[in-house]
Amino acid sequence: MASYLLYIVTGAVLALMAARHLLALRRAIPKSHDAAQPGVLGTVEGKGIRWAETTLCGAIFLFGLWLTLTAGLLFIAGLLHSL
C-alpha cells in the first residue's frame, strides 16, 4: 500500500513539474509571425530545440499522469480487496 502512495506522489510531482515547464516554454516561444524561417541558423541558436524540449516535457507530463492514475486505481483496488 505504501508503494502505491509513493507512486501517486511521484507521478503527481512529475506531472506538475512538466506542466510548469510546458507553461514556461509556451511563454518563451515567439509568435509565428515574429519568428524567421527555422533554418540552420535558427537551429544553431536553439529555436529548433524548443520543439524537442516541448515534446519531451509532454511525454513526461503524460507519464506522470498515467503513473498517478494507475497507482491510484491500484491503491483503491487494494483497499477494496482488504475489506
Protein backbone atom coordinates (compact mmCIF):
# COMPACT_ATOMS: atom_id res chain seq x y z
CA MET A 1 0.00 0.00 0.00
CA ALA A 2 2.81 2.39 0.83
CA SER A 3 4.41 1.80 -2.57
CA TYR A 4 1.19 2.87 -4.30
CA LEU A 5 1.19 6.10 -2.29
CA LEU A 6 4.81 6.67 -3.31
CA TYR A 7 3.88 6.12 -6.96
CA ILE A 8 0.96 8.53 -6.64
CA VAL A 9 3.16 11.24 -5.14
CA THR A 10 5.95 10.64 -7.67
CA GLY A 11 3.56 10.78 -10.62
CA ALA A 12 1.92 13.94 -9.31
CA VAL A 13 5.29 15.64 -8.84
CA LEU A 14 6.40 14.62 -12.34
CA ALA A 15 3.17 15.86 -13.89
CA LEU A 16 3.26 19.17 -12.01
CA MET A 17 6.91 19.86 -12.84
CA ALA A 18 6.39 19.04 -16.51
CA ALA A 19 3.24 21.18 -16.66
CA ARG A 20 5.06 24.15 -15.14
CA HIS A 21 7.88 23.73 -17.65
CA LEU A 22 5.42 23.46 -20.54
CA LEU A 23 3.77 26.71 -19.46
CA ALA A 24 7.16 28.40 -19.23
CA LEU A 25 8.06 27.14 -22.71
CA ARG A 26 4.77 28.43 -24.07
CA ARG A 27 5.64 31.94 -22.94
CA ALA A 28 9.20 31.64 -24.27
CA ILE A 29 8.28 30.55 -27.80
CA PRO A 30 7.89 33.57 -30.10
CA LYS A 31 4.74 34.03 -32.16
CA SER A 32 4.81 32.55 -35.64
CA HIS A 33 4.75 35.94 -37.37
CA ASP A 34 7.68 37.15 -35.21
CA ALA A 35 9.93 34.18 -35.93
CA ALA A 36 12.09 33.90 -39.00
CA GLN A 37 12.43 30.72 -41.04
CA PRO A 38 13.88 27.99 -38.79
CA GLY A 39 16.89 27.21 -40.93
CA VAL A 40 20.36 26.15 -39.89
CA LEU A 41 20.98 29.44 -38.11
CA GLY A 42 17.74 29.07 -36.13
CA THR A 43 18.72 25.57 -35.10
CA VAL A 44 22.16 26.70 -34.01
CA GLU A 45 20.60 29.48 -31.92
CA GLY A 46 18.35 26.93 -30.21
CA LYS A 47 14.99 27.88 -31.74
CA GLY A 48 14.53 24.42 -33.25
CA ILE A 49 15.44 22.72 -29.99
CA ARG A 50 12.32 24.07 -28.25
CA TRP A 51 10.07 21.67 -30.16
CA ALA A 52 12.09 18.69 -28.96
CA GLU A 53 12.01 20.04 -25.42
CA THR A 54 8.26 20.58 -25.63
CA THR A 55 7.73 17.03 -26.89
CA LEU A 56 9.86 15.58 -24.10
CA CYS A 57 8.04 17.64 -21.45
CA GLY A 58 4.71 16.49 -22.85
CA ALA A 59 5.83 12.86 -22.65
CA ILE A 60 6.97 13.33 -19.04
CA PHE A 61 3.66 15.00 -18.20
CA LEU A 62 1.65 12.15 -19.70
CA PHE A 63 3.81 9.56 -17.94
CA GLY A 64 3.33 11.31 -14.59
CA LEU A 65 -0.40 11.49 -15.16
CA TRP A 66 -0.54 7.83 -16.14
CA LEU A 67 1.55 6.84 -13.11
CA THR A 68 -0.69 8.78 -10.75
CA LEU A 69 -3.96 7.45 -12.16
CA THR A 70 -2.78 3.84 -12.39
CA ALA A 71 -1.33 3.81 -8.88
CA GLY A 72 -4.49 5.47 -7.58
CA LEU A 73 -6.67 2.79 -9.12
CA LEU A 74 -4.43 0.03 -7.77
CA PHE A 75 -4.49 1.64 -4.33
CA ILE A 76 -8.29 1.79 -4.35
CA ALA A 77 -8.45 -1.83 -5.56
CA GLY A 78 -6.13 -2.89 -2.75
CA LEU A 79 -8.26 -1.08 -0.20
CA LEU A 80 -11.44 -2.68 -1.51
CA HIS A 81 -9.81 -6.10 -1.59
CA SER A 82 -8.71 -5.81 2.05
CA LEU A 83 -12.29 -5.19 3.21
